Amino acid sequence: MTEFALDFEQPIIELEKKILSLKISGEHSKIDFSGEIADLAEKKEKLKKEIYGSLTSWQRVLLARHPRRPYTLDYIKTICENFVELHGDRAYGDDRALVCGLATIDNAPVVVMGHQKGRTVHENLERNFAMAHPEGYRKAMRIMKMAEKFNRPIITFIDTSGAYPGIAAEERGQAEAIAKNLRDMALLKVPVISIVIGEGGSGGALGIGVANKVLMLENSYYSVISPEGCAAILFRDATKAKEAAEALKITAKDLLKSKVIDEIIKEPIGGAHMDAVETAMNIKRAINKYLLQYSKVSKENIAQDRYEKFRAMGIFQEEIVNKLVKKPAKNKKITVKPRRK
């Protein structure tokens, strides 16, 4: 039975409790409840398809934040071989909110990095809840340039509510560090593939998200601001996060439609945490597909492809608008008739 459940999952939990109760009763009373159990199991599967097949934007945000959802290191362990973590930005220190390193995927050398959350309070404090400091983004850029030097594709896993907004981060140049990453990632001559695996919040996500291909797990979100932050600013009420989530268009379907992302990666019914290995294999297939695609593209064209991708984002229309300004009336010629003698 599920250890942690969200509000909209309660009907499923109730059915699971009934099934478990019948199993226990059958064992103690020696009565066969297999028929009733089968009916309830069928009802549960049908209900799961109905609930998870029609999730709202806010419900997907809650799934993206699920405490059992796989994190960057979980995917790296499943997808990659020979992972070696690299540390430090060579200027200030090592930021554990952002994990970076060398690895292979099916014997192909790559560089992998991503935001890392913790499972416990202690781990979250150590990882700063996956909210990176400037040294985290500088470390990421240092290793990306190393990847370019040795011609290794870059894989990034995005999962943060945003870059750390504290005073210490601002004093060490948070905005500048992210801005430099945006600039330098745009110029990289190796393919970059980014996957939003949970939360994709603001500049914290973009700091490792300027990629040739941006992919999203089905129940992740990618946004300029969190729904709560948006609600607090626009509605002066953070409790209106549900309305803000709908208005922001932050789900994978919304962003694929607006061409902000390139592909949605399927999750098991109930979310990535229901089968982490299956989700990881889905991610791996997508990564391998794009690595093969870009293996046939020149370095210059890889950078150009990334540039054109971001230039093409958004919808706009050009129109010539005639100014409705009254033209001054032309001076009429005055004819003076000669006087009669």
C-alpha atoms as a PDB file:
ATOM      1  CA  MET A   1       0.000   0.000   0.000  1.00  0.00           C
ATOM      2  CA  THR A   2       1.180   3.534  -0.756  1.00  0.00           C
ATOM      3  CA  GLU A   3       3.143   5.130   2.118  1.00  0.00           C
ATOM      4  CA  PHE A   4       2.435   8.718   1.056  1.00  0.00           C
ATOM      5  CA  ALA A   5      -0.648   9.830  -0.837  1.00  0.00           C
ATOM      6  CA  LEU A   6      -1.854  13.122  -2.260  1.00  0.00           C
ATOM      7  CA  ASP A   7      -5.427  14.333  -1.712  1.00  0.00           C
ATOM      8  CA  PHE A   8      -6.665  13.320  -5.168  1.00  0.00           C
ATOM      9  CA  GLU A   9      -5.224   9.813  -4.636  1.00  0.00           C
ATOM     10  CA  GLN A  10      -7.393   9.091  -1.566  1.00  0.00           C
ATOM     11  CA  PRO A  11     -10.120   7.119  -3.476  1.00  0.00           C
ATOM     12  CA  ILE A  12      -7.378   4.767  -4.716  1.00  0.00           C
ATOM     13  CA  ILE A  13      -5.971   4.406  -1.196  1.00  0.00           C
ATOM     14  CA  GLU A  14      -9.413   3.503   0.143  1.00  0.00           C
ATOM     15  CA  LEU A  15      -9.732   0.690  -2.388  1.00  0.00           C
ATOM     16  CA  GLU A  16      -6.230  -0.541  -1.523  1.00  0.00           C
ATOM     17  CA  LYS A  17      -7.241  -0.649   2.159  1.00  0.00           C
ATOM     18  CA  LYS A  18     -10.359  -2.677   1.334  1.00  0.00           C
ATOM     19  CA  ILE A  19      -8.329  -5.157  -0.741  1.00  0.00           C
ATOM     20  CA  LEU A  20      -5.781  -5.530   2.066  1.00  0.00           C
ATOM     21  CA  SER A  21      -8.558  -5.975   4.648  1.00  0.00           C
ATOM     22  CA  LEU A  22     -10.177  -8.746   2.582  1.00  0.00           C
ATOM     23  CA  LYS A  23      -6.832 -10.531   2.190  1.00  0.00           C
ATOM     24  CA  ILE A  24      -6.199 -10.434   5.935  1.00  0.00           C
ATOM     25  CA  SER A  25      -9.760 -11.559   6.707  1.00  0.00           C
ATOM     26  CA  GLY A  26      -9.461 -14.437   4.238  1.00  0.00           C
ATOM     27  CA  GLU A  27      -6.241 -15.633   5.835  1.00  0.00           C
ATOM     28  CA  HIS A  28      -7.700 -15.575   9.351  1.00  0.00           C
ATOM     29  CA  SER A  29     -11.166 -16.961   8.578  1.00  0.00           C
ATOM     30  CA  LYS A  30     -10.111 -19.343   5.796  1.00  0.00           C
ATOM     31  CA  ILE A  31     -12.827 -17.846   3.569  1.00  0.00           C
ATOM     32  CA  ASP A  32     -12.142 -17.338  -0.124  1.00  0.00           C
ATOM     33  CA  PHE A  33     -12.519 -13.673  -1.039  1.00  0.00           C
ATOM     34  CA  SER A  34     -10.616 -13.968  -4.329  1.00  0.00           C
ATOM     35  CA  GLY A  35     -13.647 -12.928  -6.404  1.00  0.00           C
ATOM     36  CA  GLU A  36     -14.300  -9.790  -4.355  1.00  0.00           C
ATOM     37  CA  ILE A  37     -10.575  -8.953  -4.351  1.00  0.00           C
ATOM     38  CA  ALA A  38     -10.395  -9.335  -8.143  1.00  0.00           C
ATOM     39  CA  ASP A  39     -13.416  -7.030  -8.587  1.00  0.00           C
ATOM     40  CA  LEU A  40     -11.899  -4.379  -6.309  1.00  0.00           C
ATOM     41  CA  ALA A  41      -8.519  -4.668  -8.058  1.00  0.00           C
ATOM     42  CA  GLU A  42     -10.198  -4.147 -11.431  1.00  0.00           C
ATOM     43  CA  LYS A  43     -12.117  -1.167 -10.049  1.00  0.00           C
ATOM     44  CA  LYS A  44      -8.874   0.273  -8.648  1.00  0.00           C
ATOM     45  CA  GLU A  45      -7.065   0.039 -11.994  1.00  0.00           C
ATOM     46  CA  LYS A  46      -9.988   1.694 -13.771  1.00  0.00           C
ATOM     47  CA  LEU A  47     -10.074   4.481 -11.172  1.00  0.00           C
ATOM     48  CA  LYS A  48      -6.316   5.038 -11.495  1.00  0.00           C
ATOM     49  CA  LYS A  49      -6.644   5.495 -15.250  1.00  0.00           C
ATOM     50  CA  GLU A  50      -9.489   7.981 -14.758  1.00  0.00           C
ATOM     51  CA  ILE A  51      -7.696  10.035 -12.094  1.00  0.00           C
ATOM     52  CA  TYR A  52      -4.213  10.087 -13.635  1.00  0.00           C
ATOM     53  CA  GLY A  53      -5.604  10.514 -17.128  1.00  0.00           C
ATOM     54  CA  SER A  54      -7.276  13.815 -16.272  1.00  0.00           C
ATOM     55  CA  LEU A  55      -4.890  15.531 -13.867  1.00  0.00           C
ATOM     56  CA  THR A  56      -5.069  19.308 -13.478  1.00  0.00           C
ATOM     57  CA  SER A  57      -1.977  21.504 -13.733  1.00  0.00           C
ATOM     58  CA  TRP A  58      -1.840  21.832  -9.941  1.00  0.00           C
ATOM     59  CA  GLN A  59      -2.093  18.070  -9.436  1.00  0.00           C
ATOM     60  CA  ARG A  60       0.865  17.592 -11.777  1.00  0.00           C
ATOM     61  CA  VAL A  61       2.815  20.147  -9.731  1.00  0.00           C
ATOM     62  CA  LEU A  62       2.096  18.074  -6.614  1.00  0.00           C
ATOM     63  CA  LEU A  63       3.291  14.907  -8.378  1.00  0.00           C
ATOM     64  CA  ALA A  64       6.444  16.726  -9.516  1.00  0.00           C
ATOM     65  CA  ARG A  65       7.159  17.448  -5.827  1.00  0.00           C
ATOM     66  CA  HIS A  66       6.287  13.958  -4.577  1.00  0.00           C
ATOM     67  CA  PRO A  67       8.791  12.972  -1.843  1.00  0.00           C
ATOM     68  CA  ARG A  68       9.277   9.501  -3.363  1.00  0.00           C
ATOM     69  CA  ARG A  69       9.934  10.800  -6.875  1.00  0.00           C
ATOM     70  CA  PRO A  70      13.345   9.746  -8.319  1.00  0.00           C
ATOM     71  CA  TYR A  71      16.061  12.409  -8.239  1.00  0.00           C
ATOM     72  CA  THR A  72      19.109  13.078 -10.424  1.00  0.00           C
ATOM     73  CA  LEU A  73      21.440  10.568  -8.740  1.00  0.00           C
ATOM     74  CA  ASP A  74      18.741   7.866  -8.945  1.00  0.00           C
ATOM     75  CA  TYR A  75      18.583   8.298 -12.723  1.00  0.00           C
ATOM     76  CA  ILE A  76      22.358   8.529 -13.093  1.00  0.00           C
ATOM     77  CA  LYS A  77      22.792   5.217 -11.240  1.00  0.00           C
ATOM     78  CA  THR A  78      20.241   3.500 -13.502  1.00  0.00           C
ATOM     79  CA  ILE A  79      21.055   5.099 -16.859  1.00  0.00           C
ATOM     80  CA  CYS A  80      24.815   5.643 -16.683  1.00  0.00           C
ATOM     81  CA  GLU A  81      27.887   3.514 -16.149  1.00  0.00           C
ATOM     82  CA  ASN A  82      31.261   4.532 -14.670  1.00  0.00           C
ATOM     83  CA  PHE A  83      29.982   7.751 -13.092  1.00  0.00           C
ATOM     84  CA  VAL A  84      32.737   9.875 -11.539  1.00  0.00           C
ATOM     85  CA  GLU A  85      31.589  12.992  -9.695  1.00  0.00           C
ATOM     86  CA  LEU A  86      33.595  16.197 -10.127  1.00  0.00           C
ATOM     87  CA  HIS A  87      33.613  18.946  -7.518  1.00  0.00           C
ATOM     88  CA  GLY A  88      34.223  22.669  -7.128  1.00  0.00           C
ATOM     89  CA  ASP A  89      34.077  25.822  -9.208  1.00  0.00           C
ATOM     90  CA  ARG A  90      37.816  26.637  -8.721  1.00  0.00           C
ATOM     91  CA  ALA A  91      36.827  29.980  -7.217  1.00  0.00           C
ATOM     92  CA  TYR A  92      34.788  29.545  -4.039  1.00  0.00           C
ATOM     93  CA  GLY A  93      33.763  25.986  -3.231  1.00  0.00           C
ATOM     94  CA  ASP A  94      31.637  22.967  -4.067  1.00  0.00           C
ATOM     95  CA  ASP A  95      27.851  23.282  -4.222  1.00  0.00           C
ATOM     96  CA  ARG A  96      26.188  19.967  -3.397  1.00  0.00           C
ATOM     97  CA  ALA A  97      22.827  21.174  -4.740  1.00  0.00           C
ATOM     98  CA  LEU A  98      24.213  20.579  -8.237  1.00  0.00           C
ATOM     99  CA  VAL A  99      25.827  17.221  -9.017  1.00  0.00           C
ATOM    100  CA  CYS A 100      28.244  17.051 -11.977  1.00  0.00           C
ATOM    101  CA  GLY A 101      30.461  14.353 -13.379  1.00  0.00           C
ATOM    102  CA  LEU A 102      31.756  12.103 -16.151  1.00  0.00           C
ATOM    103  CA  ALA A 103      29.973   8.923 -17.198  1.00  0.00           C
ATOM    104  CA  THR A 104      29.137   6.623 -20.087  1.00  0.00           C
ATOM    105  CA  ILE A 105      25.740   5.655 -21.497  1.00  0.00           C
ATOM    106  CA  ASP A 106      25.935   2.338 -23.360  1.00  0.00           C
ATOM    107  CA  ASN A 107      29.727   2.887 -23.571  1.00  0.00           C
ATOM    108  CA  ALA A 108      29.300   6.362 -25.113  1.00  0.00           C
ATOM    109  CA  PRO A 109      31.210   9.003 -23.075  1.00  0.00           C
ATOM    110  CA  VAL A 110      29.069  11.866 -21.758  1.00  0.00           C
ATOM    111  CA  VAL A 111      29.038  14.569 -19.099  1.00  0.00           C
ATOM    112  CA  VAL A 112      26.020  14.464 -16.757  1.00  0.00           C
ATOM    113  CA  MET A 113      24.784  16.961 -14.204  1.00  0.00           C
ATOM    114  CA  GLY A 114      21.621  17.906 -12.377  1.00  0.00           C
ATOM    115  CA  HIS A 115      19.956  19.360  -9.313  1.00  0.00           C
ATOM    116  CA  GLN A 116      19.884  16.971  -6.370  1.00  0.00           C
ATOM    117  CA  LYS A 117      17.281  17.016  -3.589  1.00  0.00           C
ATOM    118  CA  GLY A 118      17.524  15.095  -0.319  1.00  0.00           C
ATOM    119  CA  ARG A 119      15.317  12.349   1.127  1.00  0.00           C
ATOM    120  CA  THR A 120      15.678  13.456   4.741  1.00  0.00           C
ATOM    121  CA  VAL A 121      15.848  16.826   6.488  1.00  0.00           C
ATOM    122  CA  HIS A 122      19.602  16.396   6.962  1.00  0.00           C
ATOM    123  CA  GLU A 123      20.153  15.561   3.283  1.00  0.00           C
ATOM    124  CA  ASN A 124      17.972  18.481   2.166  1.00  0.00           C
ATOM    125  CA  LEU A 125      19.980  20.877   4.321  1.00  0.00           C
ATOM    126  CA  GLU A 126      23.191  19.447   2.887  1.00  0.00           C
ATOM    127  CA  ARG A 127      21.849  19.777  -0.676  1.00  0.00           C
ATOM    128  CA  ASN A 128      20.137  23.125   0.105  1.00  0.00           C
ATOM    129  CA  PHE A 129      16.839  21.666  -1.191  1.00  0.00           C
ATOM    130  CA  ALA A 130      18.391  21.554  -4.723  1.00  0.00           C
ATOM    131  CA  MET A 131      18.577  25.369  -4.832  1.00  0.00           C
ATOM    132  CA  ALA A 132      22.043  26.036  -6.219  1.00  0.00           C
ATOM    133  CA  HIS A 133      24.371  28.883  -5.227  1.00  0.00           C
ATOM    134  CA  PRO A 134      26.518  30.763  -7.788  1.00  0.00           C
ATOM    135  CA  GLU A 135      29.370  28.292  -7.240  1.00  0.00           C
ATOM    136  CA  GLY A 136      27.025  25.518  -8.375  1.00  0.00           C
ATOM    137  CA  TYR A 137      26.363  27.188 -11.722  1.00  0.00           C
ATOM    138  CA  ARG A 138      30.056  28.081 -12.112  1.00  0.00           C
ATOM    139  CA  LYS A 139      30.965  24.445 -11.418  1.00  0.00           C
ATOM    140  CA  ALA A 140      28.431  23.323 -14.027  1.00  0.00           C
ATOM    141  CA  MET A 141      29.853  25.731 -16.621  1.00  0.00           C
ATOM    142  CA  ARG A 142      33.425  24.691 -15.855  1.00  0.00           C
ATOM    143  CA  ILE A 143      32.541  21.066 -16.515  1.00  0.00           C
ATOM    144  CA  MET A 144      30.495  21.912 -19.621  1.00  0.00           C
ATOM    145  CA  LYS A 145      33.543  23.617 -21.116  1.00  0.00           C
ATOM    146  CA  MET A 146      35.559  20.535 -20.242  1.00  0.00           C
ATOM    147  CA  ALA A 147      32.953  18.470 -22.094  1.00  0.00           C
ATOM    148  CA  GLU A 148      33.343  20.740 -25.123  1.00  0.00           C
ATOM    149  CA  LYS A 149      37.132  20.407 -25.006  1.00  0.00           C
ATOM    150  CA  PHE A 150      36.958  16.593 -25.016  1.00  0.00           C
ATOM    151  CA  ASN A 151      33.932  16.440 -27.366  1.00  0.00           C
ATOM    152  CA  ARG A 152      31.530  14.833 -24.883  1.00  0.00           C
ATOM    153  CA  PRO A 153      27.747  15.395 -25.155  1.00  0.00           C
ATOM    154  CA  ILE A 154      26.146  17.001 -22.089  1.00  0.00           C
ATOM    155  CA  ILE A 155      23.090  15.607 -20.301  1.00  0.00           C
ATOM    156  CA  THR A 156      21.407  17.793 -17.660  1.00  0.00           C
ATOM    157  CA  PHE A 157      18.643  16.837 -15.223  1.00  0.00           C
ATOM    158  CA  ILE A 158      16.526  19.781 -14.060  1.00  0.00           C
ATOM    159  CA  ASP A 159      14.782  19.515 -10.690  1.00  0.00           C
ATOM    160  CA  THR A 160      14.730  22.705  -8.631  1.00  0.00           C
ATOM    161  CA  SER A 161      12.179  25.198  -7.383  1.00  0.00           C
ATOM    162  CA  GLY A 162      14.712  27.901  -8.317  1.00  0.00           C
ATOM    163  CA  ALA A 163      18.217  29.183  -7.673  1.00  0.00           C
ATOM    164  CA  TYR A 164      18.951  29.993  -4.025  1.00  0.00           C
ATOM    165  CA  PRO A 165      17.604  33.526  -3.342  1.00  0.00           C
ATOM    166  CA  GLY A 166      19.535  34.197  -0.122  1.00  0.00           C
ATOM    167  CA  ILE A 167      21.764  37.199   0.628  1.00  0.00           C
ATOM    168  CA  ALA A 168      24.955  35.102   0.509  1.00  0.00           C
ATOM    169  CA  ALA A 169      24.114  33.919  -3.021  1.00  0.00           C
ATOM    170  CA  GLU A 170      23.429  37.480  -4.168  1.00  0.00           C
ATOM    171  CA  GLU A 171      26.696  38.691  -2.627  1.00  0.00           C
ATOM    172  CA  ARG A 172      28.595  36.048  -4.607  1.00  0.00           C
ATOM    173  CA  GLY A 173      26.927  37.009  -7.900  1.00  0.00           C
ATOM    174  CA  GLN A 174      23.943  34.697  -8.383  1.00  0.00           C
ATOM    175  CA  ALA A 175      22.406  36.626 -11.289  1.00  0.00           C
ATOM    176  CA  GLU A 176      25.762  37.004 -13.057  1.00  0.00           C
ATOM    177  CA  ALA A 177      26.573  33.298 -12.683  1.00  0.00           C
ATOM    178  CA  ILE A 178      23.259  32.265 -14.260  1.00  0.00           C
ATOM    179  CA  ALA A 179      23.539  34.908 -17.003  1.00  0.00           C
ATOM    180  CA  LYS A 180      27.031  33.671 -17.938  1.00  0.00           C
ATOM    181  CA  ASN A 181      25.720  30.112 -18.124  1.00  0.00           C
ATOM    182  CA  LEU A 182      22.953  31.213 -20.498  1.00  0.00           C
ATOM    183  CA  ARG A 183      25.480  32.993 -22.702  1.00  0.00           C
ATOM    184  CA  ASP A 184      28.151  30.278 -22.671  1.00  0.00           C
ATOM    185  CA  MET A 185      25.762  27.344 -23.059  1.00  0.00           C
ATOM    186  CA  ALA A 186      24.360  28.984 -26.197  1.00  0.00           C
ATOM    187  CA  LEU A 187      27.853  28.837 -27.736  1.00  0.00           C
ATOM    188  CA  LEU A 188      28.783  25.245 -26.820  1.00  0.00           C
ATOM    189  CA  LYS A 189      29.793  23.112 -29.798  1.00  0.00           C
ATOM    190  CA  VAL A 190      28.688  19.803 -28.301  1.00  0.00           C
ATOM    191  CA  PRO A 191      25.058  18.634 -28.070  1.00  0.00           C
ATOM    192  CA  VAL A 192      23.201  19.456 -24.855  1.00  0.00           C
ATOM    193  CA  ILE A 193      20.115  17.460 -23.842  1.00  0.00           C
ATOM    194  CA  SER A 194      18.118  18.684 -20.826  1.00  0.00           C
ATOM    195  CA  ILE A 195      15.407  16.691 -19.066  1.00  0.00           C
ATOM    196  CA  VAL A 196      13.006  18.278 -16.571  1.00  0.00           C
ATOM    197  CA  ILE A 197      12.491  15.406 -14.110  1.00  0.00           C
ATOM    198  CA  GLY A 198      10.501  17.240 -11.419  1.00  0.00           C
ATOM    199  CA  GLU A 199      10.404  20.958 -10.758  1.00  0.00           C
ATOM    200  CA  GLY A 200      11.771  23.348 -13.373  1.00  0.00           C
ATOM    201  CA  GLY A 201      11.758  26.684 -11.599  1.00  0.00           C
ATOM    202  CA  SER A 202      12.864  30.024 -13.034  1.00  0.00           C
ATOM    203  CA  GLY A 203      16.544  30.907 -13.607  1.00  0.00           C
ATOM    204  CA  GLY A 204      17.585  28.014 -11.407  1.00  0.00           C
ATOM    205  CA  ALA A 205      16.368  25.659 -14.128  1.00  0.00           C
ATOM    206  CA  LEU A 206      17.564  27.771 -17.060  1.00  0.00           C
ATOM    207  CA  GLY A 207      21.097  27.873 -15.621  1.00  0.00           C
ATOM    208  CA  ILE A 208      21.604  24.320 -16.963  1.00  0.00           C
ATOM    209  CA  GLY A 209      18.732  24.311 -19.465  1.00  0.00           C
ATOM    210  CA  VAL A 210      19.953  26.058 -22.630  1.00  0.00           C
ATOM    211  CA  ALA A 211      19.919  22.861 -24.655  1.00  0.00           C
ATOM    212  CA  ASN A 212      19.538  21.566 -28.189  1.00  0.00           C
ATOM    213  CA  LYS A 213      16.689  19.396 -26.944  1.00  0.00           C
ATOM    214  CA  VAL A 214      14.594  20.080 -23.850  1.00  0.00           C
ATOM    215  CA  LEU A 215      12.537  17.094 -22.682  1.00  0.00           C
ATOM    216  CA  MET A 216      10.054  16.792 -19.838  1.00  0.00           C
ATOM    217  CA  LEU A 217       8.725  13.909 -17.823  1.00  0.00           C
ATOM    218  CA  GLU A 218       4.963  13.673 -18.110  1.00  0.00           C
ATOM    219  CA  ASN A 219       4.288  14.878 -14.538  1.00  0.00           C
ATOM    220  CA  SER A 220       6.956  17.555 -14.221  1.00  0.00           C
ATOM    221  CA  TYR A 221       6.535  21.308 -14.603  1.00  0.00           C
ATOM    222  CA  TYR A 222       8.673  24.089 -16.102  1.00  0.00           C
ATOM    223  CA  SER A 223       7.918  27.687 -15.216  1.00  0.00           C
ATOM    224  CA  VAL A 224       9.253  31.214 -14.841  1.00  0.00           C
ATOM    225  CA  ILE A 225       7.912  31.185 -11.258  1.00  0.00           C
ATOM    226  CA  SER A 226       6.276  28.749  -8.855  1.00  0.00           C
ATOM    227  CA  PRO A 227       2.450  28.747  -8.761  1.00  0.00           C
ATOM    228  CA  GLU A 228       2.559  29.953  -5.148  1.00  0.00           C
ATOM    229  CA  GLY A 229       4.915  32.817  -6.030  1.00  0.00           C
ATOM    230  CA  CYS A 230       2.764  33.820  -8.989  1.00  0.00           C
ATOM    231  CA  ALA A 231      -0.403  33.767  -6.867  1.00  0.00           C
ATOM    232  CA  ALA A 232       1.249  35.865  -4.159  1.00  0.00           C
ATOM    233  CA  ILE A 233       2.294  38.505  -6.698  1.00  0.00           C
ATOM    234  CA  LEU A 234      -0.746  38.615  -8.989  1.00  0.00           C
ATOM    235  CA  PHE A 235      -3.579  37.733  -6.619  1.00  0.00           C
ATOM    236  CA  ARG A 236      -1.949  38.839  -3.343  1.00  0.00           C
ATOM    237  CA  ASP A 237      -2.943  35.398  -2.079  1.00  0.00           C
ATOM    238  CA  ALA A 238      -0.608  32.374  -2.192  1.00  0.00           C
ATOM    239  CA  THR A 239      -3.547  30.033  -1.564  1.00  0.00           C
ATOM    240  CA  LYS A 240      -4.681  30.664  -5.150  1.00  0.00           C
ATOM    241  CA  ALA A 241      -1.799  28.562  -6.459  1.00  0.00           C
ATOM    242  CA  LYS A 242      -4.232  26.230  -8.265  1.00  0.00           C
ATOM    243  CA  GLU A 243      -5.564  29.087 -10.399  1.00  0.00           C
ATOM    244  CA  ALA A 244      -2.036  30.349 -11.022  1.00  0.00           C
ATOM    245  CA  ALA A 245      -0.871  26.889 -12.152  1.00  0.00           C
ATOM    246  CA  GLU A 246      -3.612  26.782 -14.781  1.00  0.00           C
ATOM    247  CA  ALA A 247      -2.879  30.316 -15.991  1.00  0.00           C
ATOM    248  CA  LEU A 248       0.898  29.812 -16.225  1.00  0.00           C
ATOM    249  CA  LYS A 249       0.633  26.870 -18.682  1.00  0.00           C
ATOM    250  CA  ILE A 250       3.481  25.017 -16.996  1.00  0.00           C
ATOM    251  CA  THR A 251       2.708  21.362 -17.759  1.00  0.00           C
ATOM    252  CA  ALA A 252       4.512  19.258 -20.340  1.00  0.00           C
ATOM    253  CA  LYS A 253       1.477  19.245 -22.668  1.00  0.00           C
ATOM    254  CA  ASP A 254       1.165  23.037 -22.541  1.00  0.00           C
ATOM    255  CA  LEU A 255       4.868  23.580 -23.203  1.00  0.00           C
ATOM    256  CA  LEU A 256       5.042  21.049 -26.042  1.00  0.00           C
ATOM    257  CA  LYS A 257       2.104  22.816 -27.678  1.00  0.00           C
ATOM    258  CA  SER A 258       3.869  26.180 -27.417  1.00  0.00           C
ATOM    259  CA  LYS A 259       7.145  24.590 -28.670  1.00  0.00           C
ATOM    260  CA  VAL A 260       9.121  25.460 -25.537  1.00  0.00           C
ATOM    261  CA  ILE A 261      10.060  21.774 -25.166  1.00  0.00           C
ATOM    262  CA  ASP A 262      10.721  19.082 -27.752  1.00  0.00           C
ATOM    263  CA  GLU A 263       9.315  15.875 -26.265  1.00  0.00           C
ATOM    264  CA  ILE A 264       7.290  14.454 -23.383  1.00  0.00           C
ATOM    265  CA  ILE A 265       8.722  11.339 -21.735  1.00  0.00           C
ATOM    266  CA  LYS A 266       6.087   8.884 -20.529  1.00  0.00           C
ATOM    267  CA  GLU A 267       5.752   7.997 -16.848  1.00  0.00           C
ATOM    268  CA  PRO A 268       4.074   4.944 -15.294  1.00  0.00           C
ATOM    269  CA  ILE A 269       0.469   5.438 -14.129  1.00  0.00           C
ATOM    270  CA  GLY A 270       0.670   7.221 -10.797  1.00  0.00           C
ATOM    271  CA  GLY A 271       3.970   8.980 -11.474  1.00  0.00           C
ATOM    272  CA  ALA A 272       7.672   8.252 -11.875  1.00  0.00           C
ATOM    273  CA  HIS A 273       7.958   6.999  -8.277  1.00  0.00           C
ATOM    274  CA  MET A 274       5.641   4.070  -9.058  1.00  0.00           C
ATOM    275  CA  ASP A 275       8.361   2.498 -11.225  1.00  0.00           C
ATOM    276  CA  ALA A 276      11.640   4.393 -11.173  1.00  0.00           C
ATOM    277  CA  VAL A 277      13.432   1.856 -13.389  1.00  0.00           C
ATOM    278  CA  GLU A 278      10.798   2.040 -16.140  1.00  0.00           C
ATOM    279  CA  THR A 279      10.940   5.850 -16.044  1.00  0.00           C
ATOM    280  CA  ALA A 280      14.743   5.772 -16.226  1.00  0.00           C
ATOM    281  CA  MET A 281      14.648   3.457 -19.234  1.00  0.00           C
ATOM    282  CA  ASN A 282      12.195   5.800 -20.991  1.00  0.00           C
ATOM    283  CA  ILE A 283      14.612   8.666 -20.360  1.00  0.00           C
ATOM    284  CA  LYS A 284      17.557   6.597 -21.582  1.00  0.00           C
ATOM    285  CA  ARG A 285      15.822   5.747 -24.860  1.00  0.00           C
ATOM    286  CA  ALA A 286      15.119   9.432 -25.500  1.00  0.00           C
ATOM    287  CA  ILE A 287      18.718  10.405 -24.702  1.00  0.00           C
ATOM    288  CA  ASN A 288      20.164   7.722 -26.993  1.00  0.00           C
ATOM    289  CA  LYS A 289      17.852   8.799 -29.818  1.00  0.00           C
ATOM    290  CA  TYR A 290      19.102  12.390 -29.714  1.00  0.00           C
ATOM    291  CA  LEU A 291      22.746  11.433 -29.143  1.00  0.00           C
ATOM    292  CA  LEU A 292      22.579   9.374 -32.346  1.00  0.00           C
ATOM    293  CA  GLN A 293      20.914  12.261 -34.174  1.00  0.00           C
ATOM    294  CA  TYR A 294      23.581  14.794 -33.177  1.00  0.00           C
ATOM    295  CA  SER A 295      26.491  12.416 -33.764  1.00  0.00           C
ATOM    296  CA  LYS A 296      25.984  13.170 -37.481  1.00  0.00           C
ATOM    297  CA  VAL A 297      25.954  16.983 -37.046  1.00  0.00           C
ATOM    298  CA  SER A 298      29.043  19.198 -37.216  1.00  0.00           C
ATOM    299  CA  LYS A 299      30.150  21.249 -34.195  1.00  0.00           C
ATOM    300  CA  GLU A 300      29.258  24.546 -35.840  1.00  0.00           C
ATOM    301  CA  ASN A 301      25.816  23.287 -36.825  1.00  0.00           C
ATOM    302  CA  ILE A 302      25.170  22.009 -33.279  1.00  0.00           C
ATOM    303  CA  ALA A 303      25.626  25.529 -31.887  1.00  0.00           C
ATOM    304  CA  GLN A 304      23.559  26.989 -34.745  1.00  0.00           C
ATOM    305  CA  ASP A 305      20.799  24.455 -34.105  1.00  0.00           C
ATOM    306  CA  ARG A 306      20.605  25.556 -30.460  1.00  0.00           C
ATOM    307  CA  TYR A 307      20.548  29.216 -31.459  1.00  0.00           C
ATOM    308  CA  GLU A 308      17.737  28.694 -33.962  1.00  0.00           C
ATOM    309  CA  LYS A 309      15.727  26.664 -31.438  1.00  0.00           C
ATOM    310  CA  PHE A 310      15.562  29.531 -28.957  1.00  0.00           C
ATOM    311  CA  ARG A 311      15.110  32.185 -31.633  1.00  0.00           C
ATOM    312  CA  ALA A 312      12.061  30.319 -32.936  1.00  0.00           C
ATOM    313  CA  MET A 313      10.298  30.234 -29.555  1.00  0.00           C
ATOM    314  CA  GLY A 314       7.145  32.251 -29.110  1.00  0.00           C
ATOM    315  CA  ILE A 315       4.414  33.363 -31.461  1.00  0.00           C
ATOM    316  CA  PHE A 316       4.289  36.826 -32.878  1.00  0.00           C
ATOM    317  CA  GLN A 317       2.667  38.665 -35.766  1.00  0.00           C
ATOM    318  CA  GLU A 318       3.891  41.680 -37.644  1.00  0.00           C
ATOM    319  CA  GLU A 319       1.438  44.231 -38.937  1.00  0.00           C
ATOM    320  CA  ILE A 320       1.746  47.613 -40.577  1.00  0.00           C
ATOM    321  CA  VAL A 321      -0.498  49.994 -38.709  1.00  0.00           C
ATOM    322  CA  ASN A 322      -1.555  53.178 -40.486  1.00  0.00           C
ATOM    323  CA  LYS A 323      -1.581  56.108 -38.157  1.00  0.00           C
ATOM    324  CA  LEU A 324      -4.991  57.706 -38.065  1.00  0.00           C
ATOM    325  CA  VAL A 325      -3.772  61.255 -38.244  1.00  0.00           C
ATOM    326  CA  LYS A 326      -5.835  63.851 -40.094  1.00  0.00           C
ATOM    327  CA  LYS A 327      -3.890  65.382 -42.920  1.00  0.00           C
ATOM    328  CA  PRO A 328      -3.914  69.171 -43.024  1.00  0.00           C
ATOM    329  CA  ALA A 329      -6.303  70.595 -45.634  1.00  0.00           C
ATOM    330  CA  LYS A 330      -4.640  71.816 -48.809  1.00  0.00           C
ATOM    331  CA  ASN A 331      -4.643  75.578 -49.376  1.00  0.00           C
ATOM    332  CA  LYS A 332      -7.234  76.453 -51.950  1.00  0.00           C
ATOM    333  CA  LYS A 333      -6.227  78.737 -54.775  1.00  0.00           C
ATOM    334  CA  ILE A 334      -8.025  82.082 -54.592  1.00  0.00           C
ATOM    335  CA  THR A 335      -8.946  83.527 -57.981  1.00  0.00           C
ATOM    336  CA  VAL A 336      -9.290  87.314 -58.059  1.00  0.00           C
ATOM    337  CA  LYS A 337     -11.609  88.486 -60.782  1.00  0.00           C
ATOM    338  CA  PRO A 338     -10.627  91.770 -62.469  1.00  0.00           C
ATOM    339  CA  ARG A 339     -12.945  94.724 -61.768  1.00  0.00           C
ATOM    340  CA  ARG A 340     -15.196  95.906 -64.548  1.00  0.00           C
ATOM    341  CA  LYS A 341     -14.342  99.275 -65.933  1.00  0.00           C
END
